[in-house]
PDB file of N, CA and C in Angstrom:
ATOM      1  N   UNK A   1      84.901  94.186 107.455  1.00  0.00           N
ATOM      2  CA  UNK A   1      85.721  94.998 108.327  1.00  0.00           C
ATOM      3  C   UNK A   1      87.169  94.874 107.874  1.00  0.00           C
ATOM      4  N   UNK A   2      87.867  95.939 107.838  1.00  0.00           N
ATOM      5  CA  UNK A   2      89.267  95.928 107.439  1.00  0.00           C
ATOM      6  C   UNK A   2      90.135  95.575 108.626  1.00  0.00           C
ATOM      7  N   UNK A   3      90.975  94.572 108.459  1.00  0.00           N
ATOM      8  CA  UNK A   3      91.934  94.187 109.485  1.00  0.00           C
ATOM      9  C   UNK A   3      93.199  95.005 109.255  1.00  0.00           C
ATOM     10  N   UNK A   4      93.895  95.425 110.306  1.00  0.00           N
ATOM     11  CA  UNK A   4      95.034  96.316 110.134  1.00  0.00           C
ATOM     12  C   UNK A   4      96.354  95.616 109.842  1.00  0.00           C
ATOM     13  N   UNK A   5      96.336  94.473 109.184  1.00  0.00           N
ATOM     14  CA  UNK A   5      97.586  93.798 108.851  1.00  0.00           C
ATOM     15  C   UNK A   5      98.342  94.669 107.860  1.00  0.00           C
ATOM     16  N   UNK A   6      99.441  95.228 108.297  1.00  0.00           N
ATOM     17  CA  UNK A   6     100.166  96.222 107.507  1.00  0.00           C
ATOM     18  C   UNK A   6     101.060  95.610 106.440  1.00  0.00           C
ATOM     19  N   UNK A   7     101.078  94.288 106.327  1.00  0.00           N
ATOM     20  CA  UNK A   7     102.021  93.674 105.409  1.00  0.00           C
ATOM     21  C   UNK A   7     101.394  92.787 104.364  1.00  0.00           C
ATOM     22  N   UNK A   8     100.180  92.335 104.594  1.00  0.00           N
ATOM     23  CA  UNK A   8      99.594  91.376 103.668  1.00  0.00           C
ATOM     24  C   UNK A   8      98.230  91.821 103.213  1.00  0.00           C
ATOM     25  N   UNK A   9      97.773  91.190 102.197  1.00  0.00           N
ATOM     26  CA  UNK A   9      96.427  91.399 101.710  1.00  0.00           C
ATOM     27  C   UNK A   9      95.935  90.083 101.169  1.00  0.00           C
ATOM     28  N   UNK A  10      94.780  90.100 100.564  1.00  0.00           N
ATOM     29  CA  UNK A  10      94.250  88.880  99.992  1.00  0.00           C
ATOM     30  C   UNK A  10      95.251  88.306  99.004  1.00  0.00           C
ATOM     31  N   UNK A  11      95.453  87.005  99.091  1.00  0.00           N
ATOM     32  CA  UNK A  11      96.360  86.346  98.171  1.00  0.00           C
ATOM     33  C   UNK A  11      97.827  86.540  98.487  1.00  0.00           C
ATOM     34  N   UNK A  12      98.154  86.975  99.686  1.00  0.00           N
ATOM     35  CA  UNK A  12      99.560  87.194 100.043  1.00  0.00           C
ATOM     36  C   UNK A  12     100.319  85.885 100.002  1.00  0.00           C
ATOM     37  N   UNK A  13     101.578  85.953  99.689  1.00  0.00           N
ATOM     38  CA  UNK A  13     102.424  84.774  99.593  1.00  0.00           C
ATOM     39  C   UNK A  13     102.742  84.260 100.991  1.00  0.00           C
ATOM     40  N   UNK A  14     102.179  83.121 101.344  1.00  0.00           N
ATOM     41  CA  UNK A  14     102.350  82.560 102.678  1.00  0.00           C
ATOM     42  C   UNK A  14     103.744  81.961 102.878  1.00  0.00           C
ATOM     43  N   UNK A  15     104.528  81.787 101.827  1.00  0.00           N
ATOM     44  CA  UNK A  15     105.834  81.142 101.948  1.00  0.00           C
ATOM     45  C   UNK A  15     106.977  82.133 102.110  1.00  0.00           C
ATOM     46  N   UNK A  16     106.672  83.420 102.253  1.00  0.00           N
ATOM     47  CA  UNK A  16     107.747  84.406 102.437  1.00  0.00           C
ATOM     48  C   UNK A  16     108.557  84.091 103.679  1.00  0.00           C
ATOM     49  N   UNK A  17     109.847  84.381 103.610  1.00  0.00           N
ATOM     50  CA  UNK A  17     110.682  84.204 104.792  1.00  0.00           C
ATOM     51  C   UNK A  17     110.570  85.449 105.668  1.00  0.00           C
ATOM     52  N   UNK A  18     110.834  85.278 106.932  1.00  0.00           N
ATOM     53  CA  UNK A  18     110.770  86.380 107.890  1.00  0.00           C
ATOM     54  C   UNK A  18     111.823  87.421 107.535  1.00  0.00           C
ATOM     55  N   UNK A  19     111.428  88.681 107.561  1.00  0.00           N
ATOM     56  CA  UNK A  19     112.324  89.774 107.167  1.00  0.00           C
ATOM     57  C   UNK A  19     113.073  90.378 108.346  1.00  0.00           C
ATOM     58  N   UNK A  20     112.832  89.879 109.549  1.00  0.00           N
ATOM     59  CA  UNK A  20     113.473  90.435 110.722  1.00  0.00           C
ATOM     60  C   UNK A  20     112.686  91.576 111.342  1.00  0.00           C
ATOM     61  N   UNK A  21     111.577  91.953 110.731  1.00  0.00           N
ATOM     62  CA  UNK A  21     110.743  93.016 111.292  1.00  0.00           C
ATOM     63  C   UNK A  21     110.026  92.497 112.534  1.00  0.00           C
ATOM     64  N   UNK A  22     109.733  93.411 113.445  1.00  0.00           N
ATOM     65  CA  UNK A  22     109.055  93.065 114.686  1.00  0.00           C
ATOM     66  C   UNK A  22     107.600  93.482 114.568  1.00  0.00           C
ATOM     67  N   UNK A  23     106.723  92.592 115.003  1.00  0.00           N
ATOM     68  CA  UNK A  23     105.283  92.815 114.926  1.00  0.00           C
ATOM     69  C   UNK A  23     104.654  92.720 116.301  1.00  0.00           C
ATOM     70  N   UNK A  24     103.451  93.251 116.396  1.00  0.00           N
ATOM     71  CA  UNK A  24     102.614  93.138 117.586  1.00  0.00           C
ATOM     72  C   UNK A  24     101.353  92.387 117.213  1.00  0.00           C
ATOM     73  N   UNK A  25     100.803  91.646 118.174  1.00  0.00           N
ATOM     74  CA  UNK A  25      99.447  91.131 118.015  1.00  0.00           C
ATOM     75  C   UNK A  25      98.538  92.220 118.559  1.00  0.00           C
ATOM     76  N   UNK A  26      97.549  92.609 117.772  1.00  0.00           N
ATOM     77  CA  UNK A  26      96.597  93.635 118.195  1.00  0.00           C
ATOM     78  C   UNK A  26      95.191  93.041 118.201  1.00  0.00           C
ATOM     79  N   UNK A  27      94.335  93.630 119.045  1.00  0.00           N
ATOM     80  CA  UNK A  27      92.960  93.155 119.190  1.00  0.00           C
ATOM     81  C   UNK A  27      92.044  94.369 119.247  1.00  0.00           C
ATOM     82  N   UNK A  28      90.873  94.239 118.645  1.00  0.00           N
ATOM     83  CA  UNK A  28      89.912  95.337 118.721  1.00  0.00           C
ATOM     84  C   UNK A  28      88.856  95.037 119.775  1.00  0.00           C
ATOM     85  N   UNK A  29      87.912  95.951 119.947  1.00  0.00           N
ATOM     86  CA  UNK A  29      86.899  95.797 120.985  1.00  0.00           C
ATOM     87  C   UNK A  29      85.930  94.655 120.711  1.00  0.00           C
ATOM     88  N   UNK A  30      85.917  94.150 119.494  1.00  0.00           N
ATOM     89  CA  UNK A  30      85.096  92.987 119.141  1.00  0.00           C
ATOM     90  C   UNK A  30      85.882  91.683 119.313  1.00  0.00           C
ATOM     91  N   UNK A  31      87.067  91.786 119.913  1.00  0.00           N
ATOM     92  CA  UNK A  31      87.962  90.656 120.156  1.00  0.00           C
ATOM     93  C   UNK A  31      88.371  89.950 118.871  1.00  0.00           C
ATOM     94  N   UNK A  32      88.619  90.750 117.836  1.00  0.00           N
ATOM     95  CA  UNK A  32      89.178  90.260 116.587  1.00  0.00           C
ATOM     96  C   UNK A  32      90.666  90.593 116.613  1.00  0.00           C
ATOM     97  N   UNK A  33      91.471  89.705 116.075  1.00  0.00           N
ATOM     98  CA  UNK A  33      92.928  89.833 116.156  1.00  0.00           C
ATOM     99  C   UNK A  33      93.550  90.103 114.799  1.00  0.00           C
ATOM    100  N   UNK A  34      94.704  90.737 114.825  1.00  0.00           N
ATOM    101  CA  UNK A  34      95.498  90.962 113.633  1.00  0.00           C
ATOM    102  C   UNK A  34      96.936  91.214 114.076  1.00  0.00           C
ATOM    103  N   UNK A  35      97.815  91.431 113.093  1.00  0.00           N
ATOM    104  CA  UNK A  35      99.193  91.804 113.417  1.00  0.00           C
ATOM    105  C   UNK A  35      99.453  93.199 112.874  1.00  0.00           C
ATOM    106  N   UNK A  36     100.409  93.861 113.488  1.00  0.00           N
ATOM    107  CA  UNK A  36     100.767  95.221 113.100  1.00  0.00           C
ATOM    108  C   UNK A  36     102.249  95.393 113.327  1.00  0.00           C
ATOM    109  N   UNK A  37     102.914  96.064 112.417  1.00  0.00           N
ATOM    110  CA  UNK A  37     104.351  96.309 112.603  1.00  0.00           C
ATOM    111  C   UNK A  37     104.586  97.149 113.848  1.00  0.00           C
ATOM    112  N   UNK A  38     105.563  96.735 114.641  1.00  0.00           N
ATOM    113  CA  UNK A  38     105.826  97.395 115.922  1.00  0.00           C
ATOM    114  C   UNK A  38     106.333  98.812 115.759  1.00  0.00           C
ATOM    115  N   UNK A  39     106.903  99.141 114.604  1.00  0.00           N
ATOM    116  CA  UNK A  39     107.438 100.488 114.409  1.00  0.00           C
ATOM    117  C   UNK A  39     106.383 101.472 113.916  1.00  0.00           C
ATOM    118  N   UNK A  40     105.146 101.037 113.840  1.00  0.00           N
ATOM    119  CA  UNK A  40     104.049 101.914 113.401  1.00  0.00           C
ATOM    120  C   UNK A  40     103.045 102.100 114.530  1.00  0.00           C
ATOM    121  N   UNK A  41     102.406 103.249 114.524  1.00  0.00           N
ATOM    122  CA  UNK A  41     101.376 103.522 115.516  1.00  0.00           C
ATOM    123  C   UNK A  41     100.192 102.588 115.287  1.00  0.00           C
ATOM    124  N   UNK A  42      99.705 101.991 116.373  1.00  0.00           N
ATOM    125  CA  UNK A  42      98.550 101.096 116.275  1.00  0.00           C
ATOM    126  C   UNK A  42      97.331 101.936 115.898  1.00  0.00           C
ATOM    127  N   UNK A  43      96.554 101.489 114.906  1.00  0.00           N
ATOM    128  CA  UNK A  43      95.410 102.283 114.454  1.00  0.00           C
ATOM    129  C   UNK A  43      94.319 102.405 115.519  1.00  0.00           C
ATOM    130  N   UNK A  44      93.533 103.448 115.403  1.00  0.00           N
ATOM    131  CA  UNK A  44      92.423 103.680 116.322  1.00  0.00           C
ATOM    132  C   UNK A  44      91.519 102.460 116.354  1.00  0.00           C
ATOM    133  N   UNK A  45      91.085 102.116 117.536  1.00  0.00           N
ATOM    134  CA  UNK A  45      90.181 100.987 117.698  1.00  0.00           C
ATOM    135  C   UNK A  45      90.885  99.657 117.921  1.00  0.00           C
ATOM    136  N   UNK A  46      92.192  99.642 117.822  1.00  0.00           N
ATOM    137  CA  UNK A  46      92.983  98.430 118.030  1.00  0.00           C
ATOM    138  C   UNK A  46      93.926  98.649 119.202  1.00  0.00           C
ATOM    139  N   UNK A  47      94.237  97.578 119.939  1.00  0.00           N
ATOM    140  CA  UNK A  47      95.050  97.677 121.148  1.00  0.00           C
ATOM    141  C   UNK A  47      96.067  96.540 121.159  1.00  0.00           C
ATOM    142  N   UNK A  48      97.297  96.804 121.566  1.00  0.00           N
ATOM    143  CA  UNK A  48      98.271  95.716 121.666  1.00  0.00           C
ATOM    144  C   UNK A  48      97.785  94.642 122.640  1.00  0.00           C
ATOM    145  N   UNK A  49      97.899  93.402 122.254  1.00  0.00           N
ATOM    146  CA  UNK A  49      97.457  92.265 123.070  1.00  0.00           C
ATOM    147  C   UNK A  49      98.546  91.845 124.040  1.00  0.00           C
ATOM    148  N   UNK A  50      99.794  92.171 123.731  1.00  0.00           N
ATOM    149  CA  UNK A  50     100.901  91.844 124.618  1.00  0.00           C
ATOM    150  C   UNK A  50     101.973  90.993 123.975  1.00  0.00           C
ATOM    151  N   UNK A  51     101.677  90.426 122.816  1.00  0.00           N
ATOM    152  CA  UNK A  51     102.663  89.594 122.118  1.00  0.00           C
ATOM    153  C   UNK A  51     103.440  90.444 121.129  1.00  0.00           C
ATOM    154  N   UNK A  52     104.757  90.259 121.140  1.00  0.00           N
ATOM    155  CA  UNK A  52     105.654  90.986 120.249  1.00  0.00           C
ATOM    156  C   UNK A  52     106.664  89.978 119.714  1.00  0.00           C
ATOM    157  N   UNK A  53     106.898  89.992 118.399  1.00  0.00           N
ATOM    158  CA  UNK A  53     107.857  89.049 117.843  1.00  0.00           C
ATOM    159  C   UNK A  53     107.862  89.089 116.329  1.00  0.00           C
ATOM    160  N   UNK A  54     108.343  88.014 115.738  1.00  0.00           N
ATOM    161  CA  UNK A  54     108.350  87.922 114.282  1.00  0.00           C
ATOM    162  C   UNK A  54     106.918  87.806 113.771  1.00  0.00           C
ATOM    163  N   UNK A  55     106.764  88.001 112.491  1.00  0.00           N
ATOM    164  CA  UNK A  55     105.441  87.877 111.872  1.00  0.00           C
ATOM    165  C   UNK A  55     104.860  86.502 112.176  1.00  0.00           C
ATOM    166  N   UNK A  56     105.668  85.454 111.995  1.00  0.00           N
ATOM    167  CA  UNK A  56     105.167  84.098 112.218  1.00  0.00           C
ATOM    168  C   UNK A  56     104.835  83.847 113.676  1.00  0.00           C
ATOM    169  N   UNK A  57     105.652  84.355 114.596  1.00  0.00           N
ATOM    170  CA  UNK A  57     105.355  84.192 116.025  1.00  0.00           C
ATOM    171  C   UNK A  57     104.015  84.836 116.373  1.00  0.00           C
ATOM    172  N   UNK A  58     103.765  86.004 115.805  1.00  0.00           N
ATOM    173  CA  UNK A  58     102.499  86.692 116.074  1.00  0.00           C
ATOM    174  C   UNK A  58     101.321  85.944 115.460  1.00  0.00           C
ATOM    175  N   UNK A  59     101.490  85.445 114.245  1.00  0.00           N
ATOM    176  CA  UNK A  59     100.419  84.663 113.617  1.00  0.00           C
ATOM    177  C   UNK A  59     100.159  83.374 114.392  1.00  0.00           C
ATOM    178  N   UNK A  60     101.210  82.754 114.897  1.00  0.00           N
ATOM    179  CA  UNK A  60     101.047  81.547 115.710  1.00  0.00           C
ATOM    180  C   UNK A  60     100.273  81.855 116.987  1.00  0.00           C
ATOM    181  N   UNK A  61     100.558  82.996 117.613  1.00  0.00           N
ATOM    182  CA  UNK A  61      99.837  83.404 118.821  1.00  0.00           C
ATOM    183  C   UNK A  61      98.350  83.592 118.518  1.00  0.00           C
ATOM    184  N   UNK A  62      98.042  84.229 117.396  1.00  0.00           N
ATOM    185  CA  UNK A  62      96.647  84.441 117.017  1.00  0.00           C
ATOM    186  C   UNK A  62      95.946  83.102 116.830  1.00  0.00           C
ATOM    187  N   UNK A  63      96.629  82.129 116.222  1.00  0.00           N
ATOM    188  CA  UNK A  63      96.036  80.802 116.050  1.00  0.00           C
ATOM    189  C   UNK A  63      95.637  80.177 117.386  1.00  0.00           C
ATOM    190  N   UNK A  64      96.403  80.466 118.432  1.00  0.00           N
ATOM    191  CA  UNK A  64      96.125  79.902 119.752  1.00  0.00           C
ATOM    192  C   UNK A  64      94.968  80.626 120.446  1.00  0.00           C
ATOM    193  N   UNK A  65      94.943  81.960 120.381  1.00  0.00           N
ATOM    194  CA  UNK A  65      93.985  82.720 121.187  1.00  0.00           C
ATOM    195  C   UNK A  65      92.671  83.048 120.480  1.00  0.00           C
ATOM    196  N   UNK A  66      92.666  83.072 119.157  1.00  0.00           N
ATOM    197  CA  UNK A  66      91.442  83.470 118.436  1.00  0.00           C
ATOM    198  C   UNK A  66      90.749  82.218 117.940  1.00  0.00           C
ATOM    199  N   UNK A  67      90.009  81.579 118.841  1.00  0.00           N
ATOM    200  CA  UNK A  67      89.371  80.305 118.522  1.00  0.00           C
ATOM    201  C   UNK A  67      87.933  80.465 118.047  1.00  0.00           C
ATOM    202  N   UNK A  68      87.333  81.596 118.293  1.00  0.00           N
ATOM    203  CA  UNK A  68      85.961  81.861 117.859  1.00  0.00           C
ATOM    204  C   UNK A  68      85.984  83.132 117.021  1.00  0.00           C
ATOM    205  N   UNK A  69      85.805  82.976 115.724  1.00  0.00           N
ATOM    206  CA  UNK A  69      85.938  84.104 114.797  1.00  0.00           C
ATOM    207  C   UNK A  69      84.767  85.094 114.870  1.00  0.00           C
ATOM    208  N   UNK A  70      83.705  84.719 115.539  1.00  0.00           N
ATOM    209  CA  UNK A  70      82.552  85.625 115.603  1.00  0.00           C
ATOM    210  C   UNK A  70      82.888  86.859 116.436  1.00  0.00           C
ATOM    211  N   UNK A  71      82.428  88.035 116.008  1.00  0.00           N
ATOM    212  CA  UNK A  71      82.644  89.249 116.811  1.00  0.00           C
ATOM    213  C   UNK A  71      82.002  89.093 118.192  1.00  0.00           C
ATOM    214  N   UNK A  72      82.570  89.754 119.177  1.00  0.00           N
ATOM    215  CA  UNK A  72      82.081  89.685 120.551  1.00  0.00           C
ATOM    216  C   UNK A  72      80.609  90.059 120.647  1.00  0.00           C
ATOM    217  N   UNK A  73      80.190  91.092 119.934  1.00  0.00           N
ATOM    218  CA  UNK A  73      78.789  91.517 120.011  1.00  0.00           C
ATOM    219  C   UNK A  73      77.844  90.409 119.545  1.00  0.00           C
ATOM    220  N   UNK A  74      78.212  89.658 118.532  1.00  0.00           N
ATOM    221  CA  UNK A  74      77.385  88.551 118.059  1.00  0.00           C
ATOM    222  C   UNK A  74      77.358  87.424 119.076  1.00  0.00           C
ATOM    223  N   UNK A  75      78.498  87.095 119.645  1.00  0.00           N
ATOM    224  CA  UNK A  75      78.533  86.034 120.665  1.00  0.00           C
ATOM    225  C   UNK A  75      77.660  86.393 121.848  1.00  0.00           C
ATOM    226  N   UNK A  76      77.717  87.656 122.266  1.00  0.00           N
ATOM    227  CA  UNK A  76      76.878  88.091 123.397  1.00  0.00           C
ATOM    228  C   UNK A  76      75.394  88.015 123.043  1.00  0.00           C
ATOM    229  N   UNK A  77      75.060  88.447 121.834  1.00  0.00           N
ATOM    230  CA  UNK A  77      73.661  88.421 121.405  1.00  0.00           C
ATOM    231  C   UNK A  77      73.154  86.973 121.340  1.00  0.00           C
ATOM    232  N   UNK A  78      73.960  86.073 120.798  1.00  0.00           N
ATOM    233  CA  UNK A  78      73.544  84.670 120.698  1.00  0.00           C
ATOM    234  C   UNK A  78      73.466  84.002 122.071  1.00  0.00           C
ATOM    235  N   UNK A  79      74.342  84.404 122.987  1.00  0.00           N
ATOM    236  CA  UNK A  79      74.321  83.832 124.329  1.00  0.00           C
ATOM    237  C   UNK A  79      73.041  84.202 125.063  1.00  0.00           C
ATOM    238  N   UNK A  80      72.461  85.357 124.729  1.00  0.00           N
ATOM    239  CA  UNK A  80      71.226  85.799 125.380  1.00  0.00           C
ATOM    240  C   UNK A  80      69.975  85.344 124.668  1.00  0.00           C
ATOM    241  N   UNK A  81      70.108  84.720 123.506  1.00  0.00           N
ATOM    242  CA  UNK A  81      68.947  84.292 122.711  1.00  0.00           C
ATOM    243  C   UNK A  81      68.424  82.955 123.234  1.00  0.00           C
ATOM    244  N   UNK A  82      67.129  82.794 123.169  1.00  0.00           N
ATOM    245  CA  UNK A  82      66.502  81.515 123.520  1.00  0.00           C
ATOM    246  C   UNK A  82      66.488  80.650 122.271  1.00  0.00           C
ATOM    247  N   UNK A  83      67.511  79.839 122.138  1.00  0.00           N
ATOM    248  CA  UNK A  83      67.629  79.009 120.935  1.00  0.00           C
ATOM    249  C   UNK A  83      67.268  77.589 121.270  1.00  0.00           C
TER     250      UNK A  83
END
């Protein structure tokens, strides 16, 4: 699944300094998180989570709230399984 991070890709330089751009934390219906530049329209299927700030502030927020990387549909299916 493609995450809508508008600034990075695989192998992005994690040591970049903040550019002063404002980002949003966005979440899709599967409760997967990403960041998106605030000056761009949020892509279809993604919704602002409520956090707005620097790139690092948004990434820090995701670290706190996205503790289970499994998509919501998988978690629901496993919760109903007799394991």
